[in-house]
Amino acid sequence: MPEKLSITGDQAVELAEMFRIVGDASRLRIILACVGKARCVSDIAEATRLAPSLVSHHLRLLRAARMLKAERRGKLVFYALADDHVRCVIKDMVAHVRESDPV
C-alpha cells in the first residue's frame, strides 16, 4: 500500500522555504561541511572556499530554517546539522545524485 503524506498549508510553505534555502549551492556546501562533525565559521569557510563573512550570512539563514544548530564553546560557535532528519535528507539526496543511471 502506498504511503500517503499530508501536511497543512503552513507546513507546505515552511517545507518549500527549506528546499529554497538548500537550493543555493553555497548553502548546500556549508551543510555538507557540517555532516559528521561540528565546525566553526573559519573551518567551514576553509572547507567550502567561501569568505567567512559570506559563510556567516548563510549560517544565519540555515539556523533560521532549522537546518543547522549552533553551540558556543568558549569564544567560538560551532555549527552542526540540526538533527537526524536533516542528516537523512542530505545523505539520501547525495546518494541520489551519485547514482550512475540517469532517468
N, C-alpha and C. Protein backbone atom coordinates (compact mmCIF):
# COMPACT_ATOMS: atom_id res chain seq x y z
N MET A 1 0.85 -1.17 0.00
CA MET A 1 0.00 0.00 0.00
C MET A 1 0.90 1.25 0.00
N PRO A 2 0.65 2.19 -0.92
CA PRO A 2 1.48 3.39 -0.98
C PRO A 2 1.33 4.25 0.26
N GLU A 3 2.46 4.86 0.62
CA GLU A 3 2.46 5.75 1.78
C GLU A 3 1.84 7.08 1.39
N LYS A 4 0.94 7.58 2.22
CA LYS A 4 0.32 8.87 1.96
C LYS A 4 0.93 9.90 2.90
N LEU A 5 1.41 10.97 2.32
CA LEU A 5 1.97 12.05 3.10
C LEU A 5 1.06 13.27 2.97
N SER A 6 0.74 13.88 4.08
CA SER A 6 -0.06 15.10 4.02
C SER A 6 0.44 16.08 5.07
N ILE A 7 0.36 17.35 4.73
CA ILE A 7 0.78 18.41 5.63
C ILE A 7 -0.20 19.57 5.48
N THR A 8 -0.17 20.46 6.44
CA THR A 8 -1.04 21.64 6.39
C THR A 8 -0.48 22.64 5.38
N GLY A 9 -1.25 23.63 5.07
CA GLY A 9 -0.80 24.68 4.16
C GLY A 9 0.42 25.41 4.70
N ASP A 10 0.41 25.72 6.01
CA ASP A 10 1.55 26.39 6.63
C ASP A 10 2.80 25.52 6.58
N GLN A 11 2.62 24.22 6.80
CA GLN A 11 3.76 23.31 6.74
C GLN A 11 4.30 23.21 5.32
N ALA A 12 3.42 23.27 4.33
CA ALA A 12 3.86 23.24 2.93
C ALA A 12 4.72 24.47 2.62
N VAL A 13 4.32 25.62 3.13
CA VAL A 13 5.09 26.84 2.93
C VAL A 13 6.46 26.70 3.59
N GLU A 14 6.48 26.19 4.83
CA GLU A 14 7.75 26.01 5.54
C GLU A 14 8.66 25.03 4.81
N LEU A 15 8.11 23.93 4.32
CA LEU A 15 8.90 22.93 3.60
C LEU A 15 9.44 23.50 2.30
N ALA A 16 8.63 24.25 1.58
CA ALA A 16 9.09 24.88 0.34
C ALA A 16 10.23 25.85 0.63
N GLU A 17 10.13 26.59 1.73
CA GLU A 17 11.19 27.53 2.11
C GLU A 17 12.49 26.78 2.43
N MET A 18 12.38 25.63 3.09
CA MET A 18 13.57 24.83 3.39
C MET A 18 14.25 24.36 2.10
N PHE A 19 13.45 23.91 1.14
CA PHE A 19 14.02 23.47 -0.14
C PHE A 19 14.64 24.66 -0.88
N ARG A 20 14.04 25.84 -0.78
CA ARG A 20 14.59 27.02 -1.43
C ARG A 20 15.96 27.35 -0.81
N ILE A 21 16.03 27.27 0.50
CA ILE A 21 17.28 27.59 1.19
C ILE A 21 18.37 26.58 0.82
N VAL A 22 18.04 25.32 0.78
CA VAL A 22 19.02 24.29 0.43
C VAL A 22 19.34 24.33 -1.06
N GLY A 23 18.50 24.98 -1.86
CA GLY A 23 18.70 25.07 -3.29
C GLY A 23 19.87 25.94 -3.71
N ASP A 24 20.44 26.70 -2.79
CA ASP A 24 21.60 27.53 -3.08
C ASP A 24 22.86 26.67 -2.91
N ALA A 25 23.72 26.65 -3.92
CA ALA A 25 24.90 25.78 -3.89
C ALA A 25 25.84 26.10 -2.73
N SER A 26 26.00 27.37 -2.40
CA SER A 26 26.89 27.72 -1.29
C SER A 26 26.33 27.21 0.03
N ARG A 27 25.04 27.38 0.25
CA ARG A 27 24.44 26.89 1.49
C ARG A 27 24.49 25.37 1.55
N LEU A 28 24.29 24.72 0.42
CA LEU A 28 24.38 23.26 0.41
C LEU A 28 25.79 22.80 0.74
N ARG A 29 26.79 23.48 0.23
CA ARG A 29 28.18 23.13 0.57
C ARG A 29 28.46 23.33 2.05
N ILE A 30 27.87 24.37 2.63
CA ILE A 30 28.02 24.59 4.07
C ILE A 30 27.39 23.45 4.85
N ILE A 31 26.20 23.05 4.46
CA ILE A 31 25.53 21.93 5.13
C ILE A 31 26.39 20.68 5.02
N LEU A 32 26.90 20.40 3.83
CA LEU A 32 27.72 19.20 3.63
C LEU A 32 28.99 19.26 4.48
N ALA A 33 29.54 20.44 4.66
CA ALA A 33 30.73 20.58 5.50
C ALA A 33 30.44 20.25 6.96
N CYS A 34 29.19 20.37 7.36
CA CYS A 34 28.81 20.13 8.75
C CYS A 34 28.30 18.71 9.00
N VAL A 35 28.28 17.88 7.96
CA VAL A 35 27.89 16.48 8.14
C VAL A 35 29.02 15.76 8.85
N GLY A 36 28.73 15.10 9.91
CA GLY A 36 29.73 14.30 10.60
C GLY A 36 30.39 14.96 11.80
N LYS A 37 30.55 16.30 11.76
CA LYS A 37 31.14 16.96 12.92
C LYS A 37 30.81 18.44 12.90
N ALA A 38 30.76 19.01 14.09
CA ALA A 38 30.50 20.43 14.22
C ALA A 38 31.74 21.21 13.81
N ARG A 39 31.52 22.36 13.17
CA ARG A 39 32.63 23.18 12.69
C ARG A 39 32.39 24.64 13.01
N CYS A 40 33.46 25.37 13.20
CA CYS A 40 33.36 26.82 13.41
C CYS A 40 33.38 27.52 12.04
N VAL A 41 33.09 28.80 12.04
CA VAL A 41 32.98 29.56 10.79
C VAL A 41 34.26 29.46 9.97
N SER A 42 35.41 29.62 10.60
CA SER A 42 36.66 29.58 9.83
C SER A 42 36.90 28.20 9.21
N ASP A 43 36.54 27.13 9.91
CA ASP A 43 36.68 25.78 9.34
C ASP A 43 35.73 25.58 8.17
N ILE A 44 34.51 26.08 8.31
CA ILE A 44 33.53 25.96 7.22
C ILE A 44 34.00 26.78 6.02
N ALA A 45 34.50 27.98 6.26
CA ALA A 45 35.00 28.83 5.17
C ALA A 45 36.14 28.15 4.43
N GLU A 46 37.04 27.54 5.18
CA GLU A 46 38.17 26.84 4.55
C GLU A 46 37.68 25.63 3.74
N ALA A 47 36.77 24.86 4.32
CA ALA A 47 36.27 23.65 3.64
C ALA A 47 35.47 23.97 2.38
N THR A 48 34.77 25.09 2.38
CA THR A 48 33.92 25.45 1.25
C THR A 48 34.56 26.45 0.30
N ARG A 49 35.71 27.02 0.72
CA ARG A 49 36.40 28.06 -0.05
C ARG A 49 35.51 29.29 -0.26
N LEU A 50 34.74 29.61 0.78
CA LEU A 50 33.91 30.81 0.79
C LEU A 50 34.47 31.79 1.81
N ALA A 51 34.20 33.06 1.62
CA ALA A 51 34.65 34.07 2.57
C ALA A 51 33.93 33.88 3.90
N PRO A 52 34.63 34.05 5.02
CA PRO A 52 33.98 33.89 6.33
C PRO A 52 32.73 34.76 6.50
N SER A 53 32.75 35.98 5.96
CA SER A 53 31.57 36.84 6.09
C SER A 53 30.38 36.25 5.33
N LEU A 54 30.63 35.65 4.17
CA LEU A 54 29.55 35.01 3.40
C LEU A 54 29.05 33.77 4.13
N VAL A 55 29.97 33.00 4.70
CA VAL A 55 29.59 31.82 5.48
C VAL A 55 28.70 32.24 6.65
N SER A 56 29.07 33.28 7.35
CA SER A 56 28.27 33.76 8.48
C SER A 56 26.87 34.16 8.04
N HIS A 57 26.78 34.83 6.91
CA HIS A 57 25.46 35.22 6.37
C HIS A 57 24.60 33.98 6.10
N HIS A 58 25.17 33.01 5.42
CA HIS A 58 24.43 31.79 5.10
C HIS A 58 24.07 31.00 6.37
N LEU A 59 24.97 30.99 7.34
CA LEU A 59 24.69 30.28 8.59
C LEU A 59 23.47 30.84 9.30
N ARG A 60 23.31 32.16 9.26
CA ARG A 60 22.11 32.77 9.88
C ARG A 60 20.85 32.23 9.23
N LEU A 61 20.85 32.14 7.91
CA LEU A 61 19.68 31.63 7.19
C LEU A 61 19.44 30.15 7.50
N LEU A 62 20.51 29.37 7.52
CA LEU A 62 20.39 27.93 7.77
C LEU A 62 19.91 27.65 9.20
N ARG A 63 20.34 28.46 10.14
CA ARG A 63 19.84 28.31 11.52
C ARG A 63 18.38 28.70 11.62
N ALA A 64 18.00 29.77 10.96
CA ALA A 64 16.60 30.22 10.99
C ALA A 64 15.68 29.17 10.37
N ALA A 65 16.19 28.44 9.39
CA ALA A 65 15.40 27.38 8.74
C ALA A 65 15.47 26.06 9.49
N ARG A 66 16.18 26.05 10.62
CA ARG A 66 16.33 24.86 11.46
C ARG A 66 17.06 23.72 10.75
N MET A 67 17.96 24.08 9.83
CA MET A 67 18.77 23.08 9.15
C MET A 67 20.07 22.82 9.94
N LEU A 68 20.57 23.87 10.59
CA LEU A 68 21.77 23.76 11.42
C LEU A 68 21.48 24.28 12.81
N LYS A 69 22.28 23.82 13.76
CA LYS A 69 22.20 24.33 15.13
C LYS A 69 23.57 24.86 15.50
N ALA A 70 23.60 25.74 16.48
CA ALA A 70 24.85 26.35 16.91
C ALA A 70 25.10 26.06 18.37
N GLU A 71 26.37 25.88 18.71
CA GLU A 71 26.77 25.65 20.10
C GLU A 71 28.02 26.46 20.39
N ARG A 72 27.96 27.31 21.39
CA ARG A 72 29.11 28.13 21.75
C ARG A 72 30.06 27.29 22.62
N ARG A 73 31.34 27.33 22.24
CA ARG A 73 32.40 26.69 23.01
C ARG A 73 33.48 27.73 23.23
N GLY A 74 33.45 28.34 24.39
CA GLY A 74 34.39 29.43 24.66
C GLY A 74 34.05 30.62 23.78
N LYS A 75 35.03 31.08 23.02
CA LYS A 75 34.82 32.24 22.14
C LYS A 75 34.27 31.86 20.77
N LEU A 76 34.29 30.58 20.45
CA LEU A 76 33.87 30.14 19.12
C LEU A 76 32.47 29.54 19.16
N VAL A 77 31.78 29.64 18.02
CA VAL A 77 30.49 29.00 17.83
C VAL A 77 30.67 27.89 16.81
N PHE A 78 30.21 26.70 17.15
CA PHE A 78 30.32 25.55 16.26
C PHE A 78 28.93 25.21 15.71
N TYR A 79 28.91 24.87 14.43
CA TYR A 79 27.66 24.59 13.73
C TYR A 79 27.62 23.12 13.33
N ALA A 80 26.45 22.51 13.50
CA ALA A 80 26.26 21.10 13.15
C ALA A 80 24.85 20.94 12.58
N LEU A 81 24.62 19.81 11.94
CA LEU A 81 23.27 19.54 11.44
C LEU A 81 22.29 19.56 12.61
N ALA A 82 21.11 20.07 12.35
CA ALA A 82 20.13 20.27 13.42
C ALA A 82 19.67 18.95 14.03
N ASP A 83 19.50 17.92 13.20
CA ASP A 83 19.02 16.65 13.72
C ASP A 83 19.18 15.55 12.67
N ASP A 84 18.73 14.35 13.02
CA ASP A 84 18.87 13.22 12.10
C ASP A 84 17.99 13.35 10.87
N HIS A 85 16.89 14.09 10.96
CA HIS A 85 16.04 14.29 9.78
C HIS A 85 16.82 15.01 8.69
N VAL A 86 17.51 16.07 9.06
CA VAL A 86 18.31 16.82 8.10
C VAL A 86 19.41 15.93 7.55
N ARG A 87 20.08 15.19 8.42
CA ARG A 87 21.16 14.29 8.00
C ARG A 87 20.64 13.27 6.98
N CYS A 88 19.50 12.68 7.24
CA CYS A 88 18.94 11.68 6.32
C CYS A 88 18.58 12.28 4.97
N VAL A 89 17.95 13.44 4.98
CA VAL A 89 17.57 14.09 3.72
C VAL A 89 18.81 14.39 2.89
N ILE A 90 19.83 14.96 3.52
CA ILE A 90 21.05 15.32 2.80
C ILE A 90 21.75 14.07 2.28
N LYS A 91 21.91 13.07 3.13
CA LYS A 91 22.58 11.83 2.69
C LYS A 91 21.81 11.15 1.56
N ASP A 92 20.49 11.11 1.66
CA ASP A 92 19.68 10.49 0.60
C ASP A 92 19.81 11.25 -0.72
N MET A 93 19.81 12.57 -0.66
CA MET A 93 19.93 13.36 -1.89
C MET A 93 21.33 13.23 -2.50
N VAL A 94 22.37 13.18 -1.66
CA VAL A 94 23.72 12.97 -2.17
C VAL A 94 23.79 11.61 -2.85
N ALA A 95 23.24 10.57 -2.23
CA ALA A 95 23.22 9.24 -2.84
C ALA A 95 22.46 9.26 -4.16
N HIS A 96 21.38 10.01 -4.19
CA HIS A 96 20.56 10.09 -5.41
C HIS A 96 21.35 10.70 -6.57
N VAL A 97 22.07 11.80 -6.32
CA VAL A 97 22.82 12.43 -7.42
C VAL A 97 24.06 11.64 -7.80
N ARG A 98 24.54 10.79 -6.92
CA ARG A 98 25.69 9.95 -7.23
C ARG A 98 25.32 8.73 -8.08
N GLU A 99 24.04 8.42 -8.17
CA GLU A 99 23.61 7.26 -8.96
C GLU A 99 24.09 7.43 -10.40
N SER A 100 24.59 6.36 -10.95
CA SER A 100 25.17 6.45 -12.29
C SER A 100 24.14 6.37 -13.40
N ASP A 101 22.97 5.84 -13.14
CA ASP A 101 21.95 5.68 -14.18
C ASP A 101 21.01 6.88 -14.21
N PRO A 102 21.15 7.75 -15.25
CA PRO A 102 20.20 8.86 -15.34
C PRO A 102 18.82 8.36 -15.75
N VAL A 103 17.83 9.12 -15.39
CA VAL A 103 16.44 8.74 -15.70
C VAL A 103 16.16 9.01 -17.14
